[in-house]
N, C-alpha and C. Protein backbone atom coordinates (compact mmCIF):
# COMPACT_ATOMS: atom_id res chain seq x y z
N MET A 1 99.44 84.94 153.68
CA MET A 1 98.12 84.97 154.21
C MET A 1 97.19 84.42 153.14
N LYS A 2 97.15 84.65 151.93
CA LYS A 2 96.46 84.14 151.00
C LYS A 2 96.57 82.61 150.73
N SER A 3 97.87 82.28 150.86
CA SER A 3 98.12 80.58 150.82
C SER A 3 97.49 80.04 151.96
N THR A 4 97.54 80.64 153.08
CA THR A 4 96.87 79.96 154.23
C THR A 4 95.35 79.83 154.19
N ILE A 5 94.86 80.89 153.74
CA ILE A 5 93.42 81.00 153.52
C ILE A 5 92.87 79.85 152.43
N LEU A 6 93.64 79.75 151.38
CA LEU A 6 93.48 78.81 150.42
C LEU A 6 93.48 77.34 150.75
N ILE A 7 94.58 77.13 151.58
CA ILE A 7 94.69 75.79 152.13
C ILE A 7 93.60 75.53 153.21
N GLY A 8 93.19 76.48 154.08
CA GLY A 8 92.14 76.27 154.86
C GLY A 8 90.79 75.86 154.24
N LEU A 9 90.58 76.68 152.97
CA LEU A 9 89.37 76.58 152.20
C LEU A 9 89.36 75.08 151.55
N LEU A 10 90.60 74.60 151.11
CA LEU A 10 90.76 73.31 150.58
C LEU A 10 90.53 72.26 151.57
N LEU A 11 90.98 72.36 152.88
CA LEU A 11 90.87 71.42 153.85
C LEU A 11 89.50 71.42 154.27
N THR A 12 88.80 72.41 154.22
CA THR A 12 87.21 72.57 154.65
C THR A 12 86.56 71.84 153.66
N THR A 13 86.67 72.06 152.39
CA THR A 13 86.03 71.46 151.22
C THR A 13 86.31 69.95 151.08
N SER A 14 87.48 69.73 151.28
CA SER A 14 87.68 68.14 151.41
C SER A 14 87.03 67.48 152.55
N PHE A 15 86.88 68.21 153.68
CA PHE A 15 86.33 67.53 154.82
C PHE A 15 84.79 67.44 154.58
N PHE A 16 84.21 68.52 153.88
CA PHE A 16 82.81 68.56 153.57
C PHE A 16 82.54 67.32 152.56
N ILE A 17 83.39 67.11 151.58
CA ILE A 17 83.08 66.12 150.65
C ILE A 17 83.20 64.73 151.29
N PHE A 18 84.22 64.58 152.20
CA PHE A 18 84.47 63.49 152.86
C PHE A 18 83.21 63.14 153.80
N SER A 19 82.69 64.07 154.35
CA SER A 19 81.72 64.00 155.34
C SER A 19 80.44 63.34 154.48
N GLN A 20 80.20 64.17 153.45
CA GLN A 20 79.07 63.69 152.62
C GLN A 20 79.14 62.25 152.09
N GLU A 21 80.51 61.80 151.76
CA GLU A 21 80.59 60.44 151.28
C GLU A 21 80.46 59.52 152.38
N GLU A 22 80.80 59.91 153.56
CA GLU A 22 80.54 59.14 154.82
C GLU A 22 79.06 58.98 155.08
N THR A 23 78.32 60.07 154.87
CA THR A 23 76.86 60.23 155.12
C THR A 23 76.10 59.21 154.14
N VAL A 24 76.42 59.29 152.92
CA VAL A 24 75.99 58.32 151.98
C VAL A 24 76.16 56.79 152.47
N GLU A 25 77.38 56.57 152.71
CA GLU A 25 77.89 55.23 153.09
C GLU A 25 77.16 54.85 154.24
N ASP A 26 76.91 55.68 155.28
CA ASP A 26 76.33 55.36 156.50
C ASP A 26 74.78 55.07 156.15
N LEU A 27 74.25 55.70 155.32
CA LEU A 27 72.89 55.34 154.96
C LEU A 27 72.72 54.13 154.45
N TYR A 28 73.62 53.73 153.41
CA TYR A 28 73.69 52.46 152.78
C TYR A 28 73.80 51.41 153.86
N LEU A 29 74.68 51.70 154.86
CA LEU A 29 75.01 50.56 155.71
C LEU A 29 73.83 50.35 156.56
N LYS A 30 72.87 51.40 156.71
CA LYS A 30 71.63 51.17 157.60
C LYS A 30 70.86 50.12 157.07
N VAL A 31 70.93 49.82 155.65
CA VAL A 31 70.04 48.87 155.14
C VAL A 31 70.62 47.61 155.58
N SER A 32 69.68 46.69 155.86
CA SER A 32 70.12 45.44 156.50
C SER A 32 70.64 44.63 155.49
N ALA A 33 71.37 43.55 155.75
CA ALA A 33 72.09 42.57 154.95
C ALA A 33 70.97 41.88 154.06
N GLU A 34 69.94 41.51 154.81
CA GLU A 34 68.71 40.80 154.33
C GLU A 34 68.17 41.62 153.07
N THR A 35 68.03 42.80 153.44
CA THR A 35 67.44 43.83 152.30
C THR A 35 68.37 43.87 151.07
N ARG A 36 69.64 43.95 151.44
CA ARG A 36 70.55 44.06 150.33
C ARG A 36 70.70 43.05 149.30
N ILE A 37 70.49 41.89 149.97
CA ILE A 37 70.44 40.47 149.15
C ILE A 37 69.17 40.42 148.45
N ILE A 38 68.04 40.87 148.91
CA ILE A 38 66.73 40.93 148.20
C ILE A 38 67.14 41.86 147.00
N ASP A 39 67.68 43.01 147.35
CA ASP A 39 67.83 43.99 146.26
C ASP A 39 68.71 43.25 145.06
N SER A 40 69.64 42.64 145.39
CA SER A 40 70.40 41.98 144.51
C SER A 40 69.58 41.07 143.63
N GLN A 41 68.88 40.10 144.25
CA GLN A 41 67.89 39.21 143.59
C GLN A 41 66.88 40.06 142.57
N ALA A 42 66.37 40.87 143.16
CA ALA A 42 65.50 41.84 142.32
C ALA A 42 66.07 42.46 141.19
N SER A 43 67.44 42.76 141.13
CA SER A 43 68.18 43.42 140.15
C SER A 43 68.49 42.35 139.24
N SER A 44 68.50 41.13 139.43
CA SER A 44 68.98 40.11 138.57
C SER A 44 68.01 39.93 137.29
N PRO A 45 68.53 39.51 136.12
CA PRO A 45 67.68 39.27 135.00
C PRO A 45 66.84 37.94 135.04
N SER A 46 67.04 37.30 136.26
CA SER A 46 66.42 35.84 136.19
C SER A 46 64.98 36.04 136.84
N ARG A 47 64.01 35.53 136.35
CA ARG A 47 62.73 35.57 136.65
C ARG A 47 62.55 34.92 138.03
N ASP A 48 63.25 33.85 138.26
CA ASP A 48 63.10 33.03 139.47
C ASP A 48 63.79 33.78 140.62
N LEU A 49 64.84 34.63 140.49
CA LEU A 49 65.37 35.34 141.44
C LEU A 49 64.54 36.60 141.75
N LYS A 50 64.00 37.05 140.88
CA LYS A 50 62.87 38.27 141.15
C LYS A 50 61.75 37.73 141.93
N GLY A 51 61.32 36.53 141.52
CA GLY A 51 60.17 35.73 142.16
C GLY A 51 60.63 35.63 143.77
N MET A 52 61.74 35.08 143.94
CA MET A 52 62.34 34.99 145.37
C MET A 52 62.30 36.19 146.15
N ALA A 53 62.79 37.39 145.44
CA ALA A 53 62.76 38.60 145.93
C ALA A 53 61.37 39.09 146.56
N ILE A 54 60.50 39.10 145.63
CA ILE A 54 59.17 39.47 146.18
C ILE A 54 58.50 38.71 147.12
N ASP A 55 58.78 37.31 146.88
CA ASP A 55 58.14 36.52 148.17
C ASP A 55 58.91 36.62 149.37
N ASP A 56 60.25 37.02 149.41
CA ASP A 56 60.75 37.34 150.56
C ASP A 56 60.19 38.64 151.36
N LEU A 57 60.08 39.66 150.41
CA LEU A 57 59.54 40.76 150.76
C LEU A 57 58.16 40.79 151.22
N THR A 58 57.18 39.80 150.81
CA THR A 58 55.99 39.48 151.25
C THR A 58 56.10 38.86 152.51
N ALA A 59 56.90 37.84 152.70
CA ALA A 59 57.29 37.35 154.08
C ALA A 59 57.54 38.27 155.07
N MET A 60 58.45 39.27 154.72
CA MET A 60 58.92 40.15 155.70
C MET A 60 57.71 41.21 155.98
N ASN A 61 56.82 41.40 155.28
CA ASN A 61 55.68 42.18 155.54
C ASN A 61 54.67 41.46 156.51
N GLU A 62 54.42 40.09 156.16
CA GLU A 62 53.56 39.40 156.93
C GLU A 62 54.18 39.32 158.42
N GLU A 63 55.30 39.26 158.43
CA GLU A 63 56.04 39.15 159.78
C GLU A 63 56.22 40.52 160.49
N GLY A 64 55.73 41.50 159.91
CA GLY A 64 55.77 42.95 160.42
C GLY A 64 57.30 43.47 160.56
N ARG A 65 58.15 43.09 159.54
CA ARG A 65 59.56 43.52 159.53
C ARG A 65 59.91 44.59 158.41
N LEU A 66 58.63 44.62 157.40
CA LEU A 66 58.94 45.56 156.30
C LEU A 66 58.36 46.89 156.62
N ASN A 67 59.23 47.91 156.53
CA ASN A 67 58.99 49.36 156.58
C ASN A 67 58.46 49.96 155.28
N GLY A 68 57.17 50.31 155.28
CA GLY A 68 56.52 50.73 154.02
C GLY A 68 56.94 52.13 153.85
N ASP A 69 57.65 52.84 154.62
CA ASP A 69 58.14 54.38 154.50
C ASP A 69 59.62 54.35 154.00
N ASP A 70 60.09 53.25 154.00
CA ASP A 70 61.61 52.98 153.59
C ASP A 70 61.67 53.24 152.11
N PRO A 71 62.37 54.25 151.63
CA PRO A 71 62.59 54.55 150.14
C PRO A 71 63.32 53.47 149.51
N PHE A 72 64.26 52.84 150.04
CA PHE A 72 65.02 51.81 149.55
C PHE A 72 64.19 50.67 149.20
N VAL A 73 63.40 50.13 150.26
CA VAL A 73 62.45 48.81 150.06
C VAL A 73 61.41 49.14 149.12
N MET A 74 60.61 50.42 149.08
CA MET A 74 59.78 50.71 148.15
C MET A 74 60.17 50.64 146.71
N ARG A 75 61.40 51.22 146.47
CA ARG A 75 62.04 51.32 145.21
C ARG A 75 62.10 49.85 144.54
N ILE A 76 62.44 48.91 145.51
CA ILE A 76 62.53 47.52 145.04
C ILE A 76 61.20 46.92 144.48
N ILE A 77 60.15 47.20 145.41
CA ILE A 77 58.99 46.63 145.09
C ILE A 77 58.33 47.42 143.80
N THR A 78 58.54 48.62 143.81
CA THR A 78 57.97 49.46 142.57
C THR A 78 58.61 48.93 141.32
N ASN A 79 59.95 48.71 141.26
CA ASN A 79 60.71 48.18 140.15
C ASN A 79 60.43 46.73 139.68
N LEU A 80 60.05 45.97 140.68
CA LEU A 80 59.58 44.56 140.48
C LEU A 80 58.21 44.83 139.79
N GLY A 81 57.44 45.69 140.15
CA GLY A 81 56.00 45.89 139.72
C GLY A 81 56.00 46.46 138.32
N SER A 82 57.18 46.82 137.95
CA SER A 82 57.05 47.45 136.57
C SER A 82 57.99 46.65 135.56
N GLU A 83 58.43 45.31 136.09
CA GLU A 83 59.23 44.42 135.00
C GLU A 83 58.46 43.99 133.75
N GLY A 84 58.90 44.73 132.72
CA GLY A 84 58.15 44.50 131.43
C GLY A 84 57.22 45.55 130.85
N THR A 85 56.95 46.55 131.82
CA THR A 85 56.20 47.72 131.55
C THR A 85 57.09 48.87 131.47
N GLY A 86 57.42 49.29 132.71
CA GLY A 86 58.15 50.57 133.03
C GLY A 86 59.64 50.32 132.79
N ILE A 87 59.99 49.13 133.05
CA ILE A 87 61.43 48.61 133.04
C ILE A 87 61.67 47.69 131.98
N ILE A 88 62.20 47.80 130.77
CA ILE A 88 62.03 46.84 129.63
C ILE A 88 63.45 46.32 129.25
N SER A 89 63.75 45.11 129.24
CA SER A 89 64.96 44.68 128.88
C SER A 89 64.65 43.95 127.55
N THR A 90 65.50 44.07 126.47
CA THR A 90 65.26 43.40 125.18
C THR A 90 66.36 42.67 124.63
N SER A 91 66.02 41.57 123.84
CA SER A 91 67.09 40.67 123.06
C SER A 91 66.54 40.49 121.74
N ASN A 92 67.40 41.02 120.78
CA ASN A 92 66.89 40.99 119.33
C ASN A 92 65.59 41.57 119.04
N GLY A 93 65.33 42.63 119.85
CA GLY A 93 64.04 43.26 119.64
C GLY A 93 62.86 42.86 120.45
N ARG A 94 63.14 41.78 121.12
CA ARG A 94 61.88 41.07 121.92
C ARG A 94 62.16 41.43 123.36
N ILE A 95 61.06 41.80 123.85
CA ILE A 95 61.16 41.96 125.64
C ILE A 95 61.39 40.52 126.29
N ILE A 96 62.22 40.65 127.07
CA ILE A 96 62.54 39.38 127.66
C ILE A 96 62.35 39.55 129.28
N ASN A 97 61.93 40.59 129.77
CA ASN A 97 61.51 40.69 131.09
C ASN A 97 60.04 40.98 131.45
N ASN A 98 59.21 40.45 130.58
CA ASN A 98 57.83 40.65 130.78
C ASN A 98 57.28 39.54 131.59
N PHE A 99 57.13 39.86 132.94
CA PHE A 99 56.85 38.93 134.18
C PHE A 99 55.58 39.44 134.69
N PRO A 100 54.44 39.11 134.27
CA PRO A 100 53.36 39.66 134.81
C PRO A 100 52.96 39.06 136.14
N ILE A 101 53.34 37.88 136.41
CA ILE A 101 53.21 37.27 137.92
C ILE A 101 54.04 38.04 138.76
N ILE A 102 55.20 38.57 138.44
CA ILE A 102 55.97 39.25 139.36
C ILE A 102 55.34 40.67 139.67
N ARG A 103 54.90 41.07 138.52
CA ARG A 103 54.10 42.35 138.71
C ARG A 103 52.88 42.17 139.62
N GLN A 104 52.25 41.12 139.41
CA GLN A 104 50.93 40.98 140.23
C GLN A 104 51.20 40.70 141.59
N LYS A 105 52.23 39.99 142.01
CA LYS A 105 52.72 39.95 143.52
C LYS A 105 53.03 41.18 144.01
N SER A 106 53.80 42.03 143.17
CA SER A 106 54.24 43.18 143.65
C SER A 106 53.12 44.31 144.02
N ALA A 107 52.11 44.16 143.13
CA ALA A 107 50.77 44.98 143.38
C ALA A 107 49.99 44.60 144.67
N LYS A 108 50.05 43.33 144.70
CA LYS A 108 49.29 42.79 145.92
C LYS A 108 50.05 43.06 147.27
N LEU A 109 51.36 43.01 147.05
CA LEU A 109 52.26 43.29 148.27
C LEU A 109 51.81 44.91 148.54
N LEU A 110 51.85 45.75 147.63
CA LEU A 110 51.71 47.05 147.71
C LEU A 110 50.29 47.40 148.47
N GLY A 111 49.21 46.70 148.13
CA GLY A 111 48.07 46.67 148.72
C GLY A 111 47.92 46.27 150.21
N ASN A 112 49.06 45.68 150.51
CA ASN A 112 49.18 45.28 152.05
C ASN A 112 50.07 46.15 152.81
N ILE A 113 50.50 47.38 152.11
CA ILE A 113 51.33 48.28 152.73
C ILE A 113 50.59 49.53 152.83
N ASN A 114 50.26 49.86 154.00
CA ASN A 114 49.24 50.95 153.98
C ASN A 114 49.95 52.40 154.22
N THR A 115 50.67 52.76 153.34
CA THR A 115 51.34 54.05 153.27
C THR A 115 51.20 54.85 152.06
N GLN A 116 51.50 56.10 152.03
CA GLN A 116 51.36 57.08 150.96
C GLN A 116 52.32 56.61 149.84
N GLN A 117 53.62 56.13 150.22
CA GLN A 117 54.47 55.58 149.26
C GLN A 117 53.80 54.45 148.48
N ALA A 118 53.20 53.47 149.15
CA ALA A 118 52.55 52.50 148.36
C ALA A 118 51.37 52.80 147.55
N ALA A 119 50.70 53.83 147.78
CA ALA A 119 49.63 54.35 147.15
C ALA A 119 50.17 54.98 145.80
N ASP A 120 51.20 55.71 145.97
CA ASP A 120 51.72 56.36 144.82
C ASP A 120 52.28 55.31 143.89
N ALA A 121 52.88 54.26 144.31
CA ALA A 121 53.55 53.35 143.54
C ALA A 121 52.43 52.60 142.79
N LEU A 122 51.32 52.36 143.41
CA LEU A 122 50.29 51.71 142.71
C LEU A 122 49.56 52.47 141.68
N ILE A 123 49.48 53.89 141.90
CA ILE A 123 49.02 54.78 140.88
C ILE A 123 49.81 55.03 139.76
N GLU A 124 51.16 54.75 139.82
CA GLU A 124 52.09 54.86 138.82
C GLU A 124 52.13 53.52 138.02
N LEU A 125 51.93 52.31 138.69
CA LEU A 125 51.97 51.13 138.04
C LEU A 125 50.72 50.94 137.36
N GLY A 126 49.72 51.38 137.81
CA GLY A 126 48.34 51.43 137.11
C GLY A 126 48.26 52.11 135.71
N ASP A 127 49.17 53.15 135.64
CA ASP A 127 49.16 54.03 134.30
C ASP A 127 50.02 53.32 133.25
N ILE A 128 50.79 52.23 133.74
CA ILE A 128 51.61 51.64 132.58
C ILE A 128 51.19 50.26 132.46
N GLU A 129 50.40 49.74 133.12
CA GLU A 129 50.05 48.27 133.10
C GLU A 129 49.06 48.03 132.00
N THR A 130 49.15 46.79 131.51
CA THR A 130 48.52 46.36 130.25
C THR A 130 47.68 45.03 130.61
N GLU A 131 48.17 44.21 131.42
CA GLU A 131 47.84 42.87 131.64
C GLU A 131 46.52 42.95 132.54
N SER A 132 45.48 42.20 132.29
CA SER A 132 44.18 42.17 133.07
C SER A 132 44.60 41.86 134.49
N MET A 133 45.32 40.52 134.65
CA MET A 133 45.40 39.91 136.05
C MET A 133 46.01 41.08 136.85
N VAL A 134 47.00 41.63 136.34
CA VAL A 134 47.83 42.59 137.17
C VAL A 134 46.93 43.86 137.42
N LEU A 135 46.34 44.38 136.41
CA LEU A 135 45.31 45.35 136.59
C LEU A 135 44.25 45.27 137.66
N SER A 136 43.86 43.99 137.74
CA SER A 136 42.64 43.51 138.72
C SER A 136 43.45 43.58 140.15
N GLU A 137 44.58 43.32 140.20
CA GLU A 137 45.37 43.31 141.62
C GLU A 137 45.62 44.76 141.99
N ILE A 138 45.90 45.47 140.93
CA ILE A 138 46.27 46.87 141.38
C ILE A 138 44.94 47.81 141.96
N ILE A 139 43.90 47.39 140.89
CA ILE A 139 42.57 48.35 141.39
C ILE A 139 42.07 47.83 142.87
N VAL A 140 42.14 46.77 143.01
CA VAL A 140 41.91 46.22 144.54
C VAL A 140 42.82 46.78 145.70
N SER A 141 44.07 46.73 145.19
CA SER A 141 45.11 47.10 146.15
C SER A 141 45.04 48.53 146.46
N ILE A 142 44.74 49.35 145.49
CA ILE A 142 44.72 51.03 145.67
C ILE A 142 43.53 51.15 146.57
N SER A 143 42.45 50.45 146.26
CA SER A 143 41.09 50.68 147.02
C SER A 143 41.28 50.31 148.58
N LYS A 144 42.37 49.71 148.92
CA LYS A 144 42.47 49.21 150.31
C LYS A 144 43.25 50.31 151.14
N ASN A 145 44.02 51.15 150.39
CA ASN A 145 44.78 52.19 150.96
C ASN A 145 44.05 53.21 151.71
N THR A 146 44.09 53.45 152.96
CA THR A 146 43.35 54.49 153.81
C THR A 146 44.22 55.53 154.16
N VAL A 147 45.60 55.69 153.84
CA VAL A 147 46.38 56.70 154.06
C VAL A 147 46.25 57.88 153.07
N ALA A 148 46.21 57.40 151.82
CA ALA A 148 46.37 58.31 150.60
C ALA A 148 45.04 59.19 150.64
N ASP A 149 45.16 60.37 149.96
CA ASP A 149 43.85 61.22 149.76
C ASP A 149 42.69 60.44 149.32
N PRO A 150 41.52 60.24 149.91
CA PRO A 150 40.50 59.44 149.47
C PRO A 150 39.95 59.84 148.10
N ASP A 151 39.79 61.09 147.69
CA ASP A 151 39.57 61.57 146.29
C ASP A 151 40.36 60.97 145.34
N THR A 152 41.73 61.11 145.49
CA THR A 152 42.52 60.55 144.58
C THR A 152 42.37 58.99 144.36
N VAL A 153 42.19 58.27 145.63
CA VAL A 153 42.07 56.91 145.39
C VAL A 153 40.74 56.55 144.65
N VAL A 154 39.67 57.27 144.96
CA VAL A 154 38.46 57.04 143.98
C VAL A 154 38.59 57.27 142.70
N ASP A 155 39.25 58.43 142.37
CA ASP A 155 39.47 58.91 140.89
C ASP A 155 40.31 57.83 140.30
N THR A 156 41.40 57.30 141.03
CA THR A 156 42.31 56.32 140.39
C THR A 156 41.33 55.11 140.04
N VAL A 157 40.61 54.63 140.76
CA VAL A 157 39.73 53.47 140.71
C VAL A 157 38.84 53.74 139.39
N ALA A 158 38.12 54.81 139.49
CA ALA A 158 37.24 55.18 138.27
C ALA A 158 38.11 55.18 136.98
N ARG A 159 39.22 55.76 137.08
CA ARG A 159 40.09 55.90 135.78
C ARG A 159 40.44 54.59 135.10
N LEU A 160 40.94 53.75 136.11
CA LEU A 160 41.43 52.34 135.77
C LEU A 160 40.31 51.72 134.89
N MET A 161 39.05 51.60 135.50
CA MET A 161 38.09 50.94 135.06
C MET A 161 37.50 51.63 133.70
N GLU A 162 37.48 52.87 133.60
CA GLU A 162 37.22 53.55 132.46
C GLU A 162 38.13 53.30 131.27
N VAL A 163 39.34 53.34 131.52
CA VAL A 163 40.40 53.19 130.59
C VAL A 163 40.51 51.51 130.05
N ASN A 164 40.24 50.82 131.07
CA ASN A 164 40.55 49.32 130.81
C ASN A 164 39.44 48.48 130.78
N GLY A 165 38.21 48.96 130.91
CA GLY A 165 37.02 48.16 131.11
C GLY A 165 36.36 47.93 129.82
N SER A 166 36.65 48.70 128.88
CA SER A 166 36.15 48.52 127.44
C SER A 166 36.12 47.07 126.89
N ALA A 167 37.07 46.30 127.36
CA ALA A 167 37.33 44.86 126.88
C ALA A 167 36.23 44.08 127.32
N ARG A 168 35.33 44.55 128.38
CA ARG A 168 34.54 43.49 128.99
C ARG A 168 35.20 42.20 129.52
N ASP A 169 36.45 42.53 130.21
CA ASP A 169 37.04 41.49 130.91
C ASP A 169 36.25 40.98 132.22
N HIS A 170 35.75 40.09 132.36
CA HIS A 170 34.88 39.69 133.49
C HIS A 170 35.71 39.76 134.73
N ASN A 171 36.74 39.23 134.93
CA ASN A 171 37.61 39.23 136.04
C ASN A 171 38.00 40.65 136.42
N PHE A 172 38.43 41.59 135.66
CA PHE A 172 38.82 42.84 135.91
C PHE A 172 37.56 43.62 136.29
N ALA A 173 36.41 43.44 135.63
CA ALA A 173 35.10 44.15 136.11
C ALA A 173 34.87 43.70 137.55
N TYR A 174 35.03 42.43 137.94
CA TYR A 174 34.52 41.92 139.29
C TYR A 174 35.61 42.59 140.20
N ALA A 175 36.96 42.79 139.91
CA ALA A 175 37.98 43.47 140.68
C ALA A 175 37.56 44.75 140.93
N PHE A 176 36.97 45.53 139.87
CA PHE A 176 36.51 46.88 140.05
C PHE A 176 35.39 46.97 141.13
N LEU A 177 34.49 46.07 140.98
CA LEU A 177 33.50 45.90 142.02
C LEU A 177 34.03 45.81 143.46
N ILE A 178 34.70 44.96 143.53
CA ILE A 178 35.28 44.72 144.84
C ILE A 178 36.13 45.99 145.31
N ALA A 179 36.83 46.69 144.49
CA ALA A 179 37.34 47.86 144.84
C ALA A 179 36.53 48.92 145.31
N VAL A 180 35.37 49.02 144.68
CA VAL A 180 34.29 50.14 145.05
C VAL A 180 33.72 49.74 146.43
N GLU A 181 33.62 48.32 146.61
CA GLU A 181 32.99 47.79 147.79
C GLU A 181 33.87 48.20 148.96
N ASN A 182 35.34 47.99 148.57
CA ASN A 182 36.31 48.06 149.68
C ASN A 182 36.26 49.78 150.07
N LEU A 183 36.16 50.68 149.19
CA LEU A 183 36.08 51.97 149.39
C LEU A 183 34.81 52.40 150.25
N ASN A 184 33.75 51.62 149.99
CA ASN A 184 32.51 51.86 150.76
C ASN A 184 32.69 51.59 152.10
N ASN A 185 33.22 50.31 152.35
CA ASN A 185 33.33 49.67 153.60
C ASN A 185 34.39 50.41 154.44
N ASN A 186 35.33 51.22 153.70
CA ASN A 186 36.39 52.03 154.48
C ASN A 186 35.70 53.25 154.88
N GLY A 187 34.45 53.48 154.60
CA GLY A 187 33.87 54.71 154.80
C GLY A 187 34.17 56.06 153.94
N VAL A 188 34.74 55.70 152.80
CA VAL A 188 34.98 56.50 151.81
C VAL A 188 34.05 57.31 151.24
N GLU A 189 33.85 58.58 151.04
CA GLU A 189 32.79 59.13 150.27
C GLU A 189 32.92 59.00 148.69
N ILE A 190 32.19 58.24 148.12
CA ILE A 190 32.48 58.26 146.69
C ILE A 190 31.52 59.28 146.00
N ASN A 191 32.26 60.38 145.48
CA ASN A 191 31.73 61.43 144.99
C ASN A 191 32.26 61.70 143.57
N ASN A 192 32.54 60.58 142.99
CA ASN A 192 32.88 60.70 141.52
C ASN A 192 31.81 60.06 140.74
N ASN A 193 31.00 60.93 139.84
CA ASN A 193 29.89 60.36 139.22
C ASN A 193 30.27 59.29 138.22
N LYS A 194 31.58 59.17 137.74
CA LYS A 194 32.04 58.11 136.76
C LYS A 194 31.74 56.81 137.41
N ILE A 195 32.11 56.74 138.80
CA ILE A 195 31.90 55.51 139.55
C ILE A 195 30.24 54.88 139.35
N PHE A 196 29.44 55.91 139.51
CA PHE A 196 28.04 55.53 139.56
C PHE A 196 27.58 55.20 138.04
N GLU A 197 28.12 55.93 137.18
CA GLU A 197 27.92 55.59 135.65
C GLU A 197 28.52 54.12 135.29
N LEU A 198 29.46 53.76 135.71
CA LEU A 198 30.18 52.39 135.25
C LEU A 198 29.33 51.35 135.98
N LEU A 199 28.93 51.67 137.31
CA LEU A 199 28.28 50.64 138.09
C LEU A 199 26.78 50.26 137.42
N SER A 200 26.25 51.38 136.99
CA SER A 200 24.90 51.43 136.49
C SER A 200 24.86 50.71 135.21
N SER A 201 25.84 50.85 134.43
CA SER A 201 25.95 50.11 133.02
C SER A 201 26.23 48.81 133.19
N MET A 202 26.93 48.54 134.32
CA MET A 202 27.25 47.02 134.49
C MET A 202 25.96 46.27 135.02
N THR A 203 24.94 46.96 135.47
CA THR A 203 23.63 46.14 135.97
C THR A 203 22.81 45.89 134.82
N LEU A 204 23.03 46.41 133.62
CA LEU A 204 21.97 46.19 132.50
C LEU A 204 22.16 44.79 131.87
N PRO A 205 21.04 44.32 131.49
CA PRO A 205 21.06 42.77 130.70
C PRO A 205 22.08 42.92 129.59
N ASP A 206 22.04 43.84 128.76
CA ASP A 206 23.03 43.96 127.62
C ASP A 206 24.29 44.59 127.97
N SER A 207 24.92 44.39 129.17
CA SER A 207 26.20 45.11 129.48
C SER A 207 27.44 44.31 128.96
N GLY A 208 27.08 42.98 128.54
CA GLY A 208 28.09 42.13 128.16
C GLY A 208 28.86 41.48 129.13
N TYR A 209 28.51 41.59 130.39
CA TYR A 209 29.11 40.81 131.40
C TYR A 209 28.39 39.80 131.82
N ILE A 210 29.08 38.70 132.43
CA ILE A 210 28.25 37.55 133.04
C ILE A 210 27.45 37.83 134.05
N GLN A 211 26.47 36.76 134.55
CA GLN A 211 25.47 37.24 135.43
C GLN A 211 26.10 37.57 136.76
N VAL A 212 27.29 36.90 137.18
CA VAL A 212 27.84 36.91 138.50
C VAL A 212 28.28 38.36 138.55
N VAL A 213 28.75 39.03 137.64
CA VAL A 213 29.18 40.40 137.57
C VAL A 213 28.11 41.33 137.69
N THR A 214 26.97 41.13 136.92
CA THR A 214 25.81 42.08 136.93
C THR A 214 25.19 41.99 138.31
N ASP A 215 25.15 40.75 138.94
CA ASP A 215 24.43 40.50 140.22
C ASP A 215 25.45 41.44 141.40
N LYS A 216 26.64 41.20 141.12
CA LYS A 216 27.54 41.89 142.05
C LYS A 216 27.38 43.41 141.92
N ALA A 217 27.40 43.82 140.67
CA ALA A 217 27.25 45.36 140.48
C ALA A 217 25.97 45.97 141.02
N ILE A 218 24.80 45.19 141.06
CA ILE A 218 23.55 45.65 141.56
C ILE A 218 23.72 45.63 143.19
N GLU A 219 24.49 44.71 143.80
CA GLU A 219 24.72 44.56 145.24
C GLU A 219 25.62 45.78 145.64
N VAL A 220 26.51 46.02 144.99
CA VAL A 220 27.44 47.26 145.39
C VAL A 220 26.81 48.44 145.20
N LEU A 221 25.98 48.84 144.04
CA LEU A 221 25.26 49.84 143.87
C LEU A 221 24.26 50.08 145.01
N ARG A 222 23.65 49.04 145.44
CA ARG A 222 22.58 49.27 146.42
C ARG A 222 23.22 49.63 147.93
N ASN A 223 24.48 49.02 147.98
CA ASN A 223 25.00 49.38 149.25
C ASN A 223 25.82 50.53 149.48
N ILE A 224 26.04 51.36 148.43
CA ILE A 224 26.96 52.50 148.56
C ILE A 224 26.27 53.53 149.55
N ARG A 225 26.93 53.98 150.53
CA ARG A 225 26.21 54.92 151.40
C ARG A 225 26.09 56.23 150.69
């Protein structure tokens, strides 16, 4: 009797494990062949292949074929957005995968995917990014997201400018202004005082910014509802 019970338990366990393995396999098989090819390109050490991957994903999104709620797809985009920052490959002590143009394209794509996962990815990437041109894309992209908690988006925009704006980078400053403008145009209540402090300081003659930036700051400040 005990042997029968033991054999039954073993068969049940084996069936459960097999079912689990089938489930994982089934989930993977649901990923299209196209997406699996893109994943292979994105995982390659080649910058050109990574570029092809993000370009293909962008094309899929423009054609309405990209699912911004698919964790498999979002993982690919987020990983491409952290090449050289969150994901680092080295050779002889030198980083060999610092691809800011790939990260910039990834941030831009995330800005055109209006999902919570996209917002989370942009916030994560903003915390580890150092290149001005990528940060500019990130701050504008997060401001376009209307699915995420608006207070979180506003706070992220304020934090990115506060942390990275001290270098008086004119392009990044202008991107911040566009981001605030996007928030306002989307009807988001801007209740973070840091935003107003930053805007006000940018309007001053001795702000260190070029006239184009100070003029835009004045315009944005006046238009905030």
